[in-house]
Amino acid sequence: MNRRTALHLAALQGHAEAVIKLLAGGVDFTKQDNKRRTALHLATLKGHCDVIDTLLAGGLDLFAKDNCGWTPLHIAASKGHKDAINLLLDNGADLWSRDNAGWTPLHRA
């Protein structure tokens, strides 16, 4: 089982309005799926900048690492989502964060 919550699914599918309602309803936004990914990781995977912005405003951890040590910025870089990369960097993402293999988001780009 992937342990994804409604917030994970809304973020992955780019449903910004659902994300807003879930956050307003007090959903536990710290939950991670079976790969230790947060909703922010999943929104970044698909490049949903409106959802990324909403999640960051809602307090999601910009520096959270999944089971490979990837931050949302590692994911955005690996997928080539330039707008997501810029949004994450504008919000203070660490360009020099290293994953479990010792690679930074720049290596993953």
Protein backbone atom coordinates (compact mmCIF):
# COMPACT_ATOMS: atom_id res chain seq x y z
CA MET A 1 0.00 0.00 0.00
CA ASN A 2 1.30 3.47 -0.82
CA ARG A 3 -0.12 5.23 2.29
CA ARG A 4 -1.17 8.29 0.29
CA THR A 5 -3.73 10.62 1.83
CA ALA A 6 -6.38 12.77 0.19
CA LEU A 7 -3.89 15.65 0.33
CA HIS A 8 -1.27 13.57 -1.47
CA LEU A 9 -3.74 12.67 -4.22
CA ALA A 10 -5.05 16.21 -4.64
CA ALA A 11 -1.48 17.52 -4.89
CA LEU A 12 -0.42 14.84 -7.37
CA GLN A 13 -3.42 15.51 -9.59
CA GLY A 14 -3.07 19.30 -9.46
CA HIS A 15 -6.33 20.04 -7.67
CA ALA A 16 -5.41 23.34 -6.01
CA GLU A 17 -8.94 24.03 -4.72
CA ALA A 18 -9.08 20.64 -3.01
CA VAL A 19 -5.66 21.27 -1.47
CA ILE A 20 -6.89 24.62 -0.11
CA LYS A 21 -9.99 22.99 1.40
CA LEU A 22 -8.01 20.14 2.94
CA LEU A 23 -5.48 22.52 4.50
CA ALA A 24 -8.27 24.78 5.78
CA GLY A 25 -9.95 21.72 7.27
CA GLY A 26 -6.88 20.95 9.35
CA VAL A 27 -5.59 17.89 7.52
CA ASP A 28 -2.26 16.54 8.80
CA PHE A 29 0.05 17.82 6.08
CA THR A 30 3.14 16.17 7.58
CA LYS A 31 2.07 12.68 6.50
CA GLN A 32 4.37 10.82 4.15
CA ASP A 33 3.62 8.01 1.73
CA ASN A 34 5.50 4.69 1.62
CA LYS A 35 8.42 6.42 -0.14
CA ARG A 36 8.45 9.14 2.56
CA ARG A 37 7.15 11.70 0.06
CA THR A 38 5.00 14.57 1.24
CA ALA A 39 2.25 16.23 -0.77
CA LEU A 40 4.84 18.83 -1.78
CA HIS A 41 7.06 16.13 -3.31
CA LEU A 42 4.10 14.86 -5.33
CA ALA A 43 2.97 18.28 -6.56
CA THR A 44 6.55 18.95 -7.62
CA LEU A 45 6.73 15.61 -9.43
CA LYS A 46 4.05 16.85 -11.81
CA GLY A 47 5.10 20.52 -11.84
CA HIS A 48 1.82 21.83 -10.40
CA CYS A 49 3.05 25.30 -9.42
CA ASP A 50 -0.30 26.53 -8.12
CA VAL A 51 -0.43 23.55 -5.76
CA ILE A 52 3.24 23.96 -4.79
CA ASP A 53 2.59 27.60 -3.91
CA THR A 54 -0.49 26.69 -1.87
CA LEU A 55 1.36 23.94 0.01
CA LEU A 56 4.29 26.23 0.80
CA ALA A 57 1.88 28.90 2.08
CA GLY A 58 0.24 26.19 4.18
CA GLY A 59 3.52 25.37 5.90
CA LEU A 60 4.74 22.21 4.19
CA ASP A 61 8.40 21.43 4.77
CA LEU A 62 10.45 22.63 1.82
CA PHE A 63 13.43 20.59 3.05
CA ALA A 64 11.67 17.23 3.62
CA LYS A 65 13.55 14.28 2.12
CA ASP A 66 12.07 11.11 0.71
CA ASN A 67 13.59 7.64 1.17
CA CYS A 68 16.22 8.45 -1.50
CA GLY A 69 17.11 11.71 0.23
CA TRP A 70 15.43 13.77 -2.48
CA THR A 71 13.90 17.12 -1.60
CA PRO A 72 11.13 18.62 -3.74
CA LEU A 73 13.87 20.59 -5.52
CA HIS A 74 15.68 17.35 -6.49
CA ILE A 75 12.42 16.13 -8.03
CA ALA A 76 11.71 19.38 -9.89
CA ALA A 77 15.26 19.42 -11.27
CA SER A 78 15.11 15.78 -12.37
CA LYS A 79 11.85 16.41 -14.23
CA GLY A 80 12.96 19.69 -15.80
CA HIS A 81 10.07 21.67 -14.29
CA LYS A 82 11.67 25.12 -14.61
CA ASP A 83 8.77 27.06 -13.11
CA ALA A 84 8.63 24.72 -10.12
CA ILE A 85 12.40 25.01 -9.68
CA ASN A 86 12.17 28.81 -9.64
CA LEU A 87 9.23 28.76 -7.23
CA LEU A 88 11.05 26.45 -4.82
CA LEU A 89 14.26 28.50 -5.01
CA ASP A 90 12.31 31.74 -4.47
CA ASN A 91 10.93 30.18 -1.28
CA GLY A 92 14.37 29.23 0.03
CA ALA A 93 14.99 25.70 -1.27
CA ASP A 94 18.54 24.48 -0.73
CA LEU A 95 20.34 24.14 -4.05
CA TRP A 96 23.22 22.32 -2.31
CA SER A 97 21.18 19.71 -0.43
CA ARG A 98 22.64 16.25 -1.06
CA ASP A 99 20.59 13.10 -1.55
CA ASN A 100 21.56 9.61 -0.35
CA ALA A 101 23.91 9.24 -3.34
CA GLY A 102 25.59 12.56 -2.52
CA TRP A 103 24.02 14.38 -5.46
CA THR A 104 22.59 17.90 -5.39
CA PRO A 105 19.56 19.06 -7.39
CA LEU A 106 22.03 20.43 -9.95
CA HIS A 107 23.32 16.89 -10.55
CA ARG A 108 19.75 15.71 -11.10
CA ALA A 109 18.92 18.43 -13.65
